[in-house]
Amino acid sequence: MLFAVVVAVTGVAAIILSETSTPNPDAPPGTTAVVGVIVAVDSQGLGDVRGFTLRETGGALQDFDLRAYESGSEFPPGHLAEHQATATPVRVWYREEGGVGLAIRLEDAPR
């Protein structure tokens, strides 16, 4: 009985702790990805979005600045307002610079 419990616990731990995703070959070099929902957008209109706040899956809030944003033609910054309204998750590829999260690429997060 004890052996079965140890095997079950070990199996569950292996599944939880294993990394099953493959690295994204299109990820910008030197970036980190995070997934969450948009809870605030800093903008002066659809054409002047400066940043946003993301609530990560675990509940942590993270602010991002768009001054280094590179994928505006694929994911226009004005589209963030729609994601905020619908709570549809996004993936943010970012890098830290001077304590600021600089969003480099945004995409619809896989569900």
PDB file of N, CA and C in Angstrom:
ATOM      1  N   MET A   1       0.819  -1.193   0.000  1.00  0.00           N
ATOM      2  CA  MET A   1       0.000   0.000   0.000  1.00  0.00           C
ATOM      3  C   MET A   1       0.861   1.254   0.000  1.00  0.00           C
ATOM      4  N   LEU A   2       1.860   1.294   0.887  1.00  0.00           N
ATOM      5  CA  LEU A   2       2.741   2.452   0.954  1.00  0.00           C
ATOM      6  C   LEU A   2       3.486   2.652  -0.369  1.00  0.00           C
ATOM      7  N   PHE A   3       3.892   1.558  -0.973  1.00  0.00           N
ATOM      8  CA  PHE A   3       4.586   1.651  -2.259  1.00  0.00           C
ATOM      9  C   PHE A   3       3.695   2.298  -3.321  1.00  0.00           C
ATOM     10  N   ALA A   4       2.435   1.933  -3.355  1.00  0.00           N
ATOM     11  CA  ALA A   4       1.495   2.495  -4.331  1.00  0.00           C
ATOM     12  C   ALA A   4       1.320   3.999  -4.109  1.00  0.00           C
ATOM     13  N   VAL A   5       1.259   4.431  -2.862  1.00  0.00           N
ATOM     14  CA  VAL A   5       1.122   5.859  -2.550  1.00  0.00           C
ATOM     15  C   VAL A   5       2.368   6.615  -2.998  1.00  0.00           C
ATOM     16  N   VAL A   6       3.544   6.063  -2.717  1.00  0.00           N
ATOM     17  CA  VAL A   6       4.798   6.716  -3.122  1.00  0.00           C
ATOM     18  C   VAL A   6       4.873   6.820  -4.641  1.00  0.00           C
ATOM     19  N   VAL A   7       4.510   5.773  -5.353  1.00  0.00           N
ATOM     20  CA  VAL A   7       4.526   5.794  -6.818  1.00  0.00           C
ATOM     21  C   VAL A   7       3.536   6.837  -7.343  1.00  0.00           C
ATOM     22  N   ALA A   8       2.348   6.889  -6.764  1.00  0.00           N
ATOM     23  CA  ALA A   8       1.338   7.849  -7.215  1.00  0.00           C
ATOM     24  C   ALA A   8       1.795   9.281  -6.969  1.00  0.00           C
ATOM     25  N   VAL A   9       2.327   9.557  -5.785  1.00  0.00           N
ATOM     26  CA  VAL A   9       2.800  10.911  -5.469  1.00  0.00           C
ATOM     27  C   VAL A   9       3.959  11.294  -6.380  1.00  0.00           C
ATOM     28  N   THR A  10       4.879  10.388  -6.616  1.00  0.00           N
ATOM     29  CA  THR A  10       6.008  10.665  -7.497  1.00  0.00           C
ATOM     30  C   THR A  10       5.532  10.939  -8.916  1.00  0.00           C
ATOM     31  N   GLY A  11       4.578  10.159  -9.383  1.00  0.00           N
ATOM     32  CA  GLY A  11       4.045  10.367 -10.733  1.00  0.00           C
ATOM     33  C   GLY A  11       3.363  11.707 -10.886  1.00  0.00           C
ATOM     34  N   VAL A  12       2.555  12.082  -9.911  1.00  0.00           N
ATOM     35  CA  VAL A  12       1.875  13.380  -9.955  1.00  0.00           C
ATOM     36  C   VAL A  12       2.901  14.510  -9.925  1.00  0.00           C
ATOM     37  N   ALA A  13       3.906  14.396  -9.046  1.00  0.00           N
ATOM     38  CA  ALA A  13       4.939  15.431  -8.966  1.00  0.00           C
ATOM     39  C   ALA A  13       5.692  15.551 -10.290  1.00  0.00           C
ATOM     40  N   ALA A  14       5.988  14.438 -10.924  1.00  0.00           N
ATOM     41  CA  ALA A  14       6.699  14.472 -12.203  1.00  0.00           C
ATOM     42  C   ALA A  14       5.879  15.187 -13.266  1.00  0.00           C
ATOM     43  N   ILE A  15       4.590  14.952 -13.285  1.00  0.00           N
ATOM     44  CA  ILE A  15       3.720  15.605 -14.268  1.00  0.00           C
ATOM     45  C   ILE A  15       3.638  17.098 -13.999  1.00  0.00           C
ATOM     46  N   ILE A  16       3.455  17.474 -12.754  1.00  0.00           N
ATOM     47  CA  ILE A  16       3.316  18.880 -12.399  1.00  0.00           C
ATOM     48  C   ILE A  16       4.603  19.652 -12.662  1.00  0.00           C
ATOM     49  N   LEU A  17       5.729  19.059 -12.331  1.00  0.00           N
ATOM     50  CA  LEU A  17       7.004  19.770 -12.429  1.00  0.00           C
ATOM     51  C   LEU A  17       7.681  19.670 -13.784  1.00  0.00           C
ATOM     52  N   SER A  18       7.173  18.843 -14.674  1.00  0.00           N
ATOM     53  CA  SER A  18       7.829  18.680 -15.970  1.00  0.00           C
ATOM     54  C   SER A  18       7.486  19.836 -16.900  1.00  0.00           C
ATOM     55  N   GLU A  19       8.401  20.166 -17.763  1.00  0.00           N
ATOM     56  CA  GLU A  19       8.203  21.214 -18.774  1.00  0.00           C
ATOM     57  C   GLU A  19       7.841  20.512 -20.065  1.00  0.00           C
ATOM     58  N   THR A  20       6.598  20.697 -20.509  1.00  0.00           N
ATOM     59  CA  THR A  20       6.147  19.993 -21.698  1.00  0.00           C
ATOM     60  C   THR A  20       6.141  20.876 -22.937  1.00  0.00           C
ATOM     61  N   SER A  21       6.324  22.161 -22.769  1.00  0.00           N
ATOM     62  CA  SER A  21       6.299  23.034 -23.932  1.00  0.00           C
ATOM     63  C   SER A  21       7.674  23.065 -24.589  1.00  0.00           C
ATOM     64  N   THR A  22       7.673  23.362 -25.857  1.00  0.00           N
ATOM     65  CA  THR A  22       8.925  23.489 -26.580  1.00  0.00           C
ATOM     66  C   THR A  22       9.244  24.962 -26.728  1.00  0.00           C
ATOM     67  N   PRO A  23      10.522  25.311 -26.780  1.00  0.00           N
ATOM     68  CA  PRO A  23      10.870  26.718 -26.943  1.00  0.00           C
ATOM     69  C   PRO A  23      10.305  27.258 -28.252  1.00  0.00           C
ATOM     70  N   ASN A  24       9.862  28.487 -28.219  1.00  0.00           N
ATOM     71  CA  ASN A  24       9.316  29.129 -29.407  1.00  0.00           C
ATOM     72  C   ASN A  24      10.475  29.655 -30.245  1.00  0.00           C
ATOM     73  N   PRO A  25      10.673  29.097 -31.457  1.00  0.00           N
ATOM     74  CA  PRO A  25      11.799  29.546 -32.283  1.00  0.00           C
ATOM     75  C   PRO A  25      11.630  30.988 -32.756  1.00  0.00           C
ATOM     76  N   ASP A  26      10.402  31.519 -32.683  1.00  0.00           N
ATOM     77  CA  ASP A  26      10.163  32.891 -33.117  1.00  0.00           C
ATOM     78  C   ASP A  26      10.241  33.892 -31.966  1.00  0.00           C
ATOM     79  N   ALA A  27      10.549  33.424 -30.761  1.00  0.00           N
ATOM     80  CA  ALA A  27      10.636  34.323 -29.607  1.00  0.00           C
ATOM     81  C   ALA A  27      11.775  35.307 -29.817  1.00  0.00           C
ATOM     82  N   PRO A  28      11.548  36.568 -29.534  1.00  0.00           N
ATOM     83  CA  PRO A  28      12.626  37.536 -29.647  1.00  0.00           C
ATOM     84  C   PRO A  28      13.776  37.166 -28.710  1.00  0.00           C
ATOM     85  N   PRO A  29      15.007  37.290 -29.165  1.00  0.00           N
ATOM     86  CA  PRO A  29      16.154  36.933 -28.321  1.00  0.00           C
ATOM     87  C   PRO A  29      16.167  37.761 -27.030  1.00  0.00           C
ATOM     88  N   GLY A  30      16.512  37.090 -25.944  1.00  0.00           N
ATOM     89  CA  GLY A  30      16.643  37.777 -24.669  1.00  0.00           C
ATOM     90  C   GLY A  30      15.341  38.162 -24.001  1.00  0.00           C
ATOM     91  N   THR A  31      14.235  37.514 -24.408  1.00  0.00           N
ATOM     92  CA  THR A  31      12.940  37.846 -23.819  1.00  0.00           C
ATOM     93  C   THR A  31      12.411  36.702 -22.965  1.00  0.00           C
ATOM     94  N   THR A  32      11.437  37.041 -22.150  1.00  0.00           N
ATOM     95  CA  THR A  32      10.718  36.093 -21.309  1.00  0.00           C
ATOM     96  C   THR A  32       9.251  36.215 -21.673  1.00  0.00           C
ATOM     97  N   ALA A  33       8.532  35.112 -21.614  1.00  0.00           N
ATOM     98  CA  ALA A  33       7.101  35.138 -21.925  1.00  0.00           C
ATOM     99  C   ALA A  33       6.286  34.971 -20.660  1.00  0.00           C
ATOM    100  N   VAL A  34       5.145  35.652 -20.631  1.00  0.00           N
ATOM    101  CA  VAL A  34       4.193  35.519 -19.535  1.00  0.00           C
ATOM    102  C   VAL A  34       2.789  35.577 -20.134  1.00  0.00           C
ATOM    103  N   VAL A  35       1.862  34.845 -19.532  1.00  0.00           N
ATOM    104  CA  VAL A  35       0.480  34.799 -20.012  1.00  0.00           C
ATOM    105  C   VAL A  35      -0.442  35.326 -18.920  1.00  0.00           C
ATOM    106  N   GLY A  36      -1.441  36.078 -19.333  1.00  0.00           N
ATOM    107  CA  GLY A  36      -2.419  36.577 -18.381  1.00  0.00           C
ATOM    108  C   GLY A  36      -3.494  37.381 -19.078  1.00  0.00           C
ATOM    109  N   VAL A  37      -4.283  38.092 -18.278  1.00  0.00           N
ATOM    110  CA  VAL A  37      -5.348  38.924 -18.830  1.00  0.00           C
ATOM    111  C   VAL A  37      -5.026  40.393 -18.570  1.00  0.00           C
ATOM    112  N   ILE A  38      -5.452  41.231 -19.480  1.00  0.00           N
ATOM    113  CA  ILE A  38      -5.237  42.665 -19.378  1.00  0.00           C
ATOM    114  C   ILE A  38      -6.241  43.235 -18.380  1.00  0.00           C
ATOM    115  N   VAL A  39      -5.738  43.970 -17.391  1.00  0.00           N
ATOM    116  CA  VAL A  39      -6.645  44.574 -16.406  1.00  0.00           C
ATOM    117  C   VAL A  39      -6.652  46.091 -16.491  1.00  0.00           C
ATOM    118  N   ALA A  40      -5.692  46.685 -17.207  1.00  0.00           N
ATOM    119  CA  ALA A  40      -5.664  48.139 -17.397  1.00  0.00           C
ATOM    120  C   ALA A  40      -4.845  48.457 -18.644  1.00  0.00           C
ATOM    121  N   VAL A  41      -5.261  49.497 -19.358  1.00  0.00           N
ATOM    122  CA  VAL A  41      -4.544  49.956 -20.544  1.00  0.00           C
ATOM    123  C   VAL A  41      -4.285  51.451 -20.383  1.00  0.00           C
ATOM    124  N   ASP A  42      -3.023  51.859 -20.535  1.00  0.00           N
ATOM    125  CA  ASP A  42      -2.648  53.271 -20.471  1.00  0.00           C
ATOM    126  C   ASP A  42      -2.641  53.806 -21.896  1.00  0.00           C
ATOM    127  N   SER A  43      -3.664  54.587 -22.244  1.00  0.00           N
ATOM    128  CA  SER A  43      -3.748  55.088 -23.620  1.00  0.00           C
ATOM    129  C   SER A  43      -4.463  56.424 -23.663  1.00  0.00           C
ATOM    130  N   GLN A  44      -4.221  57.112 -24.745  1.00  0.00           N
ATOM    131  CA  GLN A  44      -4.921  58.345 -25.067  1.00  0.00           C
ATOM    132  C   GLN A  44      -5.796  58.108 -26.296  1.00  0.00           C
ATOM    133  N   GLY A  45      -6.225  56.873 -26.501  1.00  0.00           N
ATOM    134  CA  GLY A  45      -7.009  56.468 -27.659  1.00  0.00           C
ATOM    135  C   GLY A  45      -6.385  55.241 -28.291  1.00  0.00           C
ATOM    136  N   LEU A  46      -7.073  54.646 -29.250  1.00  0.00           N
ATOM    137  CA  LEU A  46      -6.594  53.404 -29.880  1.00  0.00           C
ATOM    138  C   LEU A  46      -5.235  53.559 -30.544  1.00  0.00           C
ATOM    139  N   GLY A  47      -4.934  54.751 -31.057  1.00  0.00           N
ATOM    140  CA  GLY A  47      -3.673  54.958 -31.756  1.00  0.00           C
ATOM    141  C   GLY A  47      -2.531  55.393 -30.865  1.00  0.00           C
ATOM    142  N   ASP A  48      -2.760  55.547 -29.571  1.00  0.00           N
ATOM    143  CA  ASP A  48      -1.724  56.035 -28.657  1.00  0.00           C
ATOM    144  C   ASP A  48      -1.734  55.241 -27.359  1.00  0.00           C
ATOM    145  N   VAL A  49      -1.397  53.961 -27.473  1.00  0.00           N
ATOM    146  CA  VAL A  49      -1.335  53.094 -26.303  1.00  0.00           C
ATOM    147  C   VAL A  49       0.112  53.083 -25.818  1.00  0.00           C
ATOM    148  N   ARG A  50       0.290  53.390 -24.535  1.00  0.00           N
ATOM    149  CA  ARG A  50       1.646  53.512 -23.976  1.00  0.00           C
ATOM    150  C   ARG A  50       2.063  52.321 -23.128  1.00  0.00           C
ATOM    151  N   GLY A  51       1.093  51.631 -22.554  1.00  0.00           N
ATOM    152  CA  GLY A  51       1.420  50.513 -21.689  1.00  0.00           C
ATOM    153  C   GLY A  51       0.163  49.823 -21.210  1.00  0.00           C
ATOM    154  N   PHE A  52       0.350  48.801 -20.387  1.00  0.00           N
ATOM    155  CA  PHE A  52      -0.785  48.047 -19.873  1.00  0.00           C
ATOM    156  C   PHE A  52      -0.362  47.275 -18.642  1.00  0.00           C
ATOM    157  N   THR A  53      -1.361  46.805 -17.900  1.00  0.00           N
ATOM    158  CA  THR A  53      -1.138  45.960 -16.731  1.00  0.00           C
ATOM    159  C   THR A  53      -1.745  44.603 -17.013  1.00  0.00           C
ATOM    160  N   LEU A  54      -0.971  43.570 -16.730  1.00  0.00           N
ATOM    161  CA  LEU A  54      -1.372  42.186 -16.966  1.00  0.00           C
ATOM    162  C   LEU A  54      -1.512  41.477 -15.615  1.00  0.00           C
ATOM    163  N   ARG A  55      -2.606  40.735 -15.453  1.00  0.00           N
ATOM    164  CA  ARG A  55      -2.743  39.858 -14.289  1.00  0.00           C
ATOM    165  C   ARG A  55      -2.351  38.459 -14.740  1.00  0.00           C
ATOM    166  N   GLU A  56      -1.250  37.979 -14.198  1.00  0.00           N
ATOM    167  CA  GLU A  56      -0.750  36.664 -14.570  1.00  0.00           C
ATOM    168  C   GLU A  56      -1.681  35.572 -14.061  1.00  0.00           C
ATOM    169  N   THR A  57      -1.514  34.383 -14.588  1.00  0.00           N
ATOM    170  CA  THR A  57      -2.342  33.247 -14.222  1.00  0.00           C
ATOM    171  C   THR A  57      -2.367  33.027 -12.715  1.00  0.00           C
ATOM    172  N   GLY A  58      -1.254  33.232 -12.036  1.00  0.00           N
ATOM    173  CA  GLY A  58      -1.185  33.054 -10.591  1.00  0.00           C
ATOM    174  C   GLY A  58      -1.744  34.216  -9.793  1.00  0.00           C
ATOM    175  N   GLY A  59      -2.135  35.307 -10.454  1.00  0.00           N
ATOM    176  CA  GLY A  59      -2.735  36.449  -9.771  1.00  0.00           C
ATOM    177  C   GLY A  59      -1.840  37.668  -9.638  1.00  0.00           C
ATOM    178  N   ALA A  60      -0.544  37.530  -9.891  1.00  0.00           N
ATOM    179  CA  ALA A  60       0.374  38.667  -9.779  1.00  0.00           C
ATOM    180  C   ALA A  60       0.102  39.682 -10.885  1.00  0.00           C
ATOM    181  N   LEU A  61       0.259  40.965 -10.547  1.00  0.00           N
ATOM    182  CA  LEU A  61       0.098  42.041 -11.531  1.00  0.00           C
ATOM    183  C   LEU A  61       1.464  42.472 -12.027  1.00  0.00           C
ATOM    184  N   GLN A  62       1.549  42.733 -13.322  1.00  0.00           N
ATOM    185  CA  GLN A  62       2.804  43.193 -13.906  1.00  0.00           C
ATOM    186  C   GLN A  62       2.502  44.291 -14.916  1.00  0.00           C
ATOM    187  N   ASP A  63       3.229  45.408 -14.805  1.00  0.00           N
ATOM    188  CA  ASP A  63       3.083  46.525 -15.738  1.00  0.00           C
ATOM    189  C   ASP A  63       4.065  46.385 -16.884  1.00  0.00           C
ATOM    190  N   PHE A  64       3.610  46.778 -18.079  1.00  0.00           N
ATOM    191  CA  PHE A  64       4.455  46.740 -19.269  1.00  0.00           C
ATOM    192  C   PHE A  64       4.408  48.069 -19.988  1.00  0.00           C
ATOM    193  N   ASP A  65       5.524  48.445 -20.542  1.00  0.00           N
ATOM    194  CA  ASP A  65       5.677  49.658 -21.343  1.00  0.00           C
ATOM    195  C   ASP A  65       5.795  49.216 -22.799  1.00  0.00           C
ATOM    196  N   LEU A  66       5.238  49.982 -23.721  1.00  0.00           N
ATOM    197  CA  LEU A  66       5.254  49.610 -25.143  1.00  0.00           C
ATOM    198  C   LEU A  66       6.273  50.367 -25.981  1.00  0.00           C
ATOM    199  N   ARG A  67       7.194  51.091 -25.373  1.00  0.00           N
ATOM    200  CA  ARG A  67       8.130  51.895 -26.176  1.00  0.00           C
ATOM    201  C   ARG A  67       9.073  51.057 -27.036  1.00  0.00           C
ATOM    202  N   ALA A  68       9.265  49.774 -26.721  1.00  0.00           N
ATOM    203  CA  ALA A  68      10.133  48.907 -27.525  1.00  0.00           C
ATOM    204  C   ALA A  68       9.326  47.866 -28.306  1.00  0.00           C
ATOM    205  N   TYR A  69       8.025  48.055 -28.409  1.00  0.00           N
ATOM    206  CA  TYR A  69       7.129  47.082 -29.021  1.00  0.00           C
ATOM    207  C   TYR A  69       7.445  46.887 -30.501  1.00  0.00           C
ATOM    208  N   GLU A  70       7.497  45.624 -30.945  1.00  0.00           N
ATOM    209  CA  GLU A  70       7.909  45.305 -32.321  1.00  0.00           C
ATOM    210  C   GLU A  70       6.823  44.681 -33.189  1.00  0.00           C
ATOM    211  N   SER A  71       5.710  44.224 -32.632  1.00  0.00           N
ATOM    212  CA  SER A  71       4.759  43.465 -33.448  1.00  0.00           C
ATOM    213  C   SER A  71       3.429  44.191 -33.644  1.00  0.00           C
ATOM    214  N   GLY A  72       3.496  45.493 -33.836  1.00  0.00           N
ATOM    215  CA  GLY A  72       2.286  46.293 -34.006  1.00  0.00           C
ATOM    216  C   GLY A  72       1.453  45.933 -35.215  1.00  0.00           C
ATOM    217  N   SER A  73       2.072  45.403 -36.264  1.00  0.00           N
ATOM    218  CA  SER A  73       1.292  45.037 -37.447  1.00  0.00           C
ATOM    219  C   SER A  73       0.544  43.722 -37.236  1.00  0.00           C
ATOM    220  N   GLU A  74       1.059  42.845 -36.371  1.00  0.00           N
ATOM    221  CA  GLU A  74       0.401  41.572 -36.103  1.00  0.00           C
ATOM    222  C   GLU A  74      -0.604  41.661 -34.957  1.00  0.00           C
ATOM    223  N   PHE A  75      -0.322  42.512 -33.981  1.00  0.00           N
ATOM    224  CA  PHE A  75      -1.175  42.682 -32.806  1.00  0.00           C
ATOM    225  C   PHE A  75      -1.156  44.164 -32.459  1.00  0.00           C
ATOM    226  N   PRO A  76      -2.040  44.952 -33.087  1.00  0.00           N
ATOM    227  CA  PRO A  76      -2.043  46.398 -32.834  1.00  0.00           C
ATOM    228  C   PRO A  76      -2.291  46.686 -31.351  1.00  0.00           C
ATOM    229  N   PRO A  77      -1.565  47.626 -30.759  1.00  0.00           N
ATOM    230  CA  PRO A  77      -1.746  47.933 -29.338  1.00  0.00           C
ATOM    231  C   PRO A  77      -3.187  48.294 -28.973  1.00  0.00           C
ATOM    232  N   GLY A  78      -3.940  48.893 -29.891  1.00  0.00           N
ATOM    233  CA  GLY A  78      -5.330  49.216 -29.626  1.00  0.00           C
ATOM    234  C   GLY A  78      -6.187  47.983 -29.369  1.00  0.00           C
ATOM    235  N   HIS A  79      -5.713  46.822 -29.803  1.00  0.00           N
ATOM    236  CA  HIS A  79      -6.428  45.553 -29.606  1.00  0.00           C
ATOM    237  C   HIS A  79      -6.429  45.128 -28.135  1.00  0.00           C
ATOM    238  N   LEU A  80      -5.540  45.725 -27.331  1.00  0.00           N
ATOM    239  CA  LEU A  80      -5.493  45.400 -25.909  1.00  0.00           C
ATOM    240  C   LEU A  80      -6.805  45.721 -25.203  1.00  0.00           C
ATOM    241  N   ALA A  81      -7.480  46.789 -25.635  1.00  0.00           N
ATOM    242  CA  ALA A  81      -8.754  47.163 -25.013  1.00  0.00           C
ATOM    243  C   ALA A  81      -9.796  46.062 -25.199  1.00  0.00           C
ATOM    244  N   GLU A  82      -9.802  45.425 -26.355  1.00  0.00           N
ATOM    245  CA  GLU A  82     -10.734  44.313 -26.587  1.00  0.00           C
ATOM    246  C   GLU A  82     -10.409  43.141 -25.664  1.00  0.00           C
ATOM    247  N   HIS A  83      -9.111  42.853 -25.528  1.00  0.00           N
ATOM    248  CA  HIS A  83      -8.707  41.767 -24.623  1.00  0.00           C
ATOM    249  C   HIS A  83      -9.077  42.095 -23.179  1.00  0.00           C
ATOM    250  N   GLN A  84      -8.979  43.367 -22.812  1.00  0.00           N
ATOM    251  CA  GLN A  84      -9.374  43.761 -21.465  1.00  0.00           C
ATOM    252  C   GLN A  84     -10.876  43.559 -21.269  1.00  0.00           C
ATOM    253  N   ALA A  85     -11.659  43.959 -22.236  1.00  0.00           N
ATOM    254  CA  ALA A  85     -13.122  43.863 -22.121  1.00  0.00           C
ATOM    255  C   ALA A  85     -13.608  42.420 -22.084  1.00  0.00           C
ATOM    256  N   THR A  86     -12.931  41.535 -22.800  1.00  0.00           N
ATOM    257  CA  THR A  86     -13.381  40.144 -22.887  1.00  0.00           C
ATOM    258  C   THR A  86     -12.631  39.197 -21.949  1.00  0.00           C
ATOM    259  N   ALA A  87     -11.589  39.704 -21.284  1.00  0.00           N
ATOM    260  CA  ALA A  87     -10.728  38.887 -20.412  1.00  0.00           C
ATOM    261  C   ALA A  87     -10.105  37.719 -21.171  1.00  0.00           C
ATOM    262  N   THR A  88      -9.858  37.921 -22.462  1.00  0.00           N
ATOM    263  CA  THR A  88      -9.184  36.912 -23.271  1.00  0.00           C
ATOM    264  C   THR A  88      -7.681  37.009 -23.011  1.00  0.00           C
ATOM    265  N   PRO A  89      -7.037  35.906 -22.631  1.00  0.00           N
ATOM    266  CA  PRO A  89      -5.610  35.961 -22.286  1.00  0.00           C
ATOM    267  C   PRO A  89      -4.714  36.338 -23.460  1.00  0.00           C
ATOM    268  N   VAL A  90      -3.594  36.958 -23.125  1.00  0.00           N
ATOM    269  CA  VAL A  90      -2.550  37.279 -24.092  1.00  0.00           C
ATOM    270  C   VAL A  90      -1.228  36.724 -23.581  1.00  0.00           C
ATOM    271  N   ARG A  91      -0.310  36.522 -24.504  1.00  0.00           N
ATOM    272  CA  ARG A  91       1.069  36.181 -24.158  1.00  0.00           C
ATOM    273  C   ARG A  91       1.903  37.414 -24.466  1.00  0.00           C
ATOM    274  N   VAL A  92       2.732  37.793 -23.511  1.00  0.00           N
ATOM    275  CA  VAL A  92       3.619  38.941 -23.666  1.00  0.00           C
ATOM    276  C   VAL A  92       5.056  38.436 -23.646  1.00  0.00           C
ATOM    277  N   TRP A  93       5.800  38.753 -24.695  1.00  0.00           N
ATOM    278  CA  TRP A  93       7.236  38.501 -24.701  1.00  0.00           C
ATOM    279  C   TRP A  93       7.869  39.826 -24.309  1.00  0.00           C
ATOM    280  N   TYR A  94       8.673  39.830 -23.247  1.00  0.00           N
ATOM    281  CA  TYR A  94       9.214  41.087 -22.738  1.00  0.00           C
ATOM    282  C   TYR A  94      10.648  40.916 -22.261  1.00  0.00           C
ATOM    283  N   ARG A  95      11.280  42.072 -22.041  1.00  0.00           N
ATOM    284  CA  ARG A  95      12.585  42.080 -21.398  1.00  0.00           C
ATOM    285  C   ARG A  95      12.573  43.196 -20.358  1.00  0.00           C
ATOM    286  N   GLU A  96      13.355  43.015 -19.331  1.00  0.00           N
ATOM    287  CA  GLU A  96      13.475  44.015 -18.272  1.00  0.00           C
ATOM    288  C   GLU A  96      14.588  44.989 -18.644  1.00  0.00           C
ATOM    289  N   GLU A  97      14.320  46.258 -18.437  1.00  0.00           N
ATOM    290  CA  GLU A  97      15.322  47.288 -18.686  1.00  0.00           C
ATOM    291  C   GLU A  97      15.123  48.377 -17.641  1.00  0.00           C
ATOM    292  N   GLY A  98      16.092  48.514 -16.754  1.00  0.00           N
ATOM    293  CA  GLY A  98      15.987  49.512 -15.702  1.00  0.00           C
ATOM    294  C   GLY A  98      14.793  49.308 -14.793  1.00  0.00           C
ATOM    295  N   GLY A  99      14.428  48.047 -14.545  1.00  0.00           N
ATOM    296  CA  GLY A  99      13.302  47.749 -13.679  1.00  0.00           C
ATOM    297  C   GLY A  99      11.938  47.893 -14.337  1.00  0.00           C
ATOM    298  N   VAL A 100      11.931  48.131 -15.655  1.00  0.00           N
ATOM    299  CA  VAL A 100      10.678  48.293 -16.398  1.00  0.00           C
ATOM    300  C   VAL A 100      10.513  47.109 -17.337  1.00  0.00           C
ATOM    301  N   GLY A 101       9.311  46.529 -17.360  1.00  0.00           N
ATOM    302  CA  GLY A 101       9.006  45.461 -18.300  1.00  0.00           C
ATOM    303  C   GLY A 101       8.663  46.063 -19.656  1.00  0.00           C
ATOM    304  N   LEU A 102       9.516  45.833 -20.640  1.00  0.00           N
ATOM    305  CA  LEU A 102       9.289  46.345 -21.999  1.00  0.00           C
ATOM    306  C   LEU A 102       8.665  45.250 -22.857  1.00  0.00           C
ATOM    307  N   ALA A 103       7.407  45.424 -23.237  1.00  0.00           N
ATOM    308  CA  ALA A 103       6.734  44.451 -24.086  1.00  0.00           C
ATOM    309  C   ALA A 103       7.338  44.515 -25.484  1.00  0.00           C
ATOM    310  N   ILE A 104       7.799  43.401 -25.978  1.00  0.00           N
ATOM    311  CA  ILE A 104       8.413  43.323 -27.310  1.00  0.00           C
ATOM    312  C   ILE A 104       7.427  42.740 -28.307  1.00  0.00           C
ATOM    313  N   ARG A 105       6.693  41.721 -27.883  1.00  0.00           N
ATOM    314  CA  ARG A 105       5.728  41.068 -28.769  1.00  0.00           C
ATOM    315  C   ARG A 105       4.506  40.657 -27.957  1.00  0.00           C
ATOM    316  N   LEU A 106       3.338  40.768 -28.570  1.00  0.00           N
ATOM    317  CA  LEU A 106       2.076  40.322 -27.975  1.00  0.00           C
ATOM    318  C   LEU A 106       1.392  39.350 -28.926  1.00  0.00           C
ATOM    319  N   GLU A 107       0.698  38.392 -28.356  1.00  0.00           N
ATOM    320  CA  GLU A 107      -0.076  37.471 -29.180  1.00  0.00           C
ATOM    321  C   GLU A 107      -1.235  36.931 -28.352  1.00  0.00           C
ATOM    322  N   ASP A 108      -2.258  36.443 -29.037  1.00  0.00           N
ATOM    323  CA  ASP A 108      -3.351  35.764 -28.359  1.00  0.00           C
ATOM    324  C   ASP A 108      -2.773  34.517 -27.687  1.00  0.00           C
ATOM    325  N   ALA A 109      -3.093  34.313 -26.437  1.00  0.00           N
ATOM    326  CA  ALA A 109      -2.575  33.152 -25.730  1.00  0.00           C
ATOM    327  C   ALA A 109      -3.353  31.906 -26.127  1.00  0.00           C
ATOM    328  N   PRO A 110      -2.670  30.791 -26.242  1.00  0.00           N
ATOM    329  CA  PRO A 110      -3.387  29.539 -26.513  1.00  0.00           C
ATOM    330  C   PRO A 110      -4.304  29.208 -25.359  1.00  0.00           C
ATOM    331  N   ARG A 111      -5.435  28.625 -25.664  1.00  0.00           N
ATOM    332  CA  ARG A 111      -6.398  28.262 -24.612  1.00  0.00           C
ATOM    333  C   ARG A 111      -6.285  26.817 -24.263  1.00  0.00           C
TER     334      ARG A 111
END
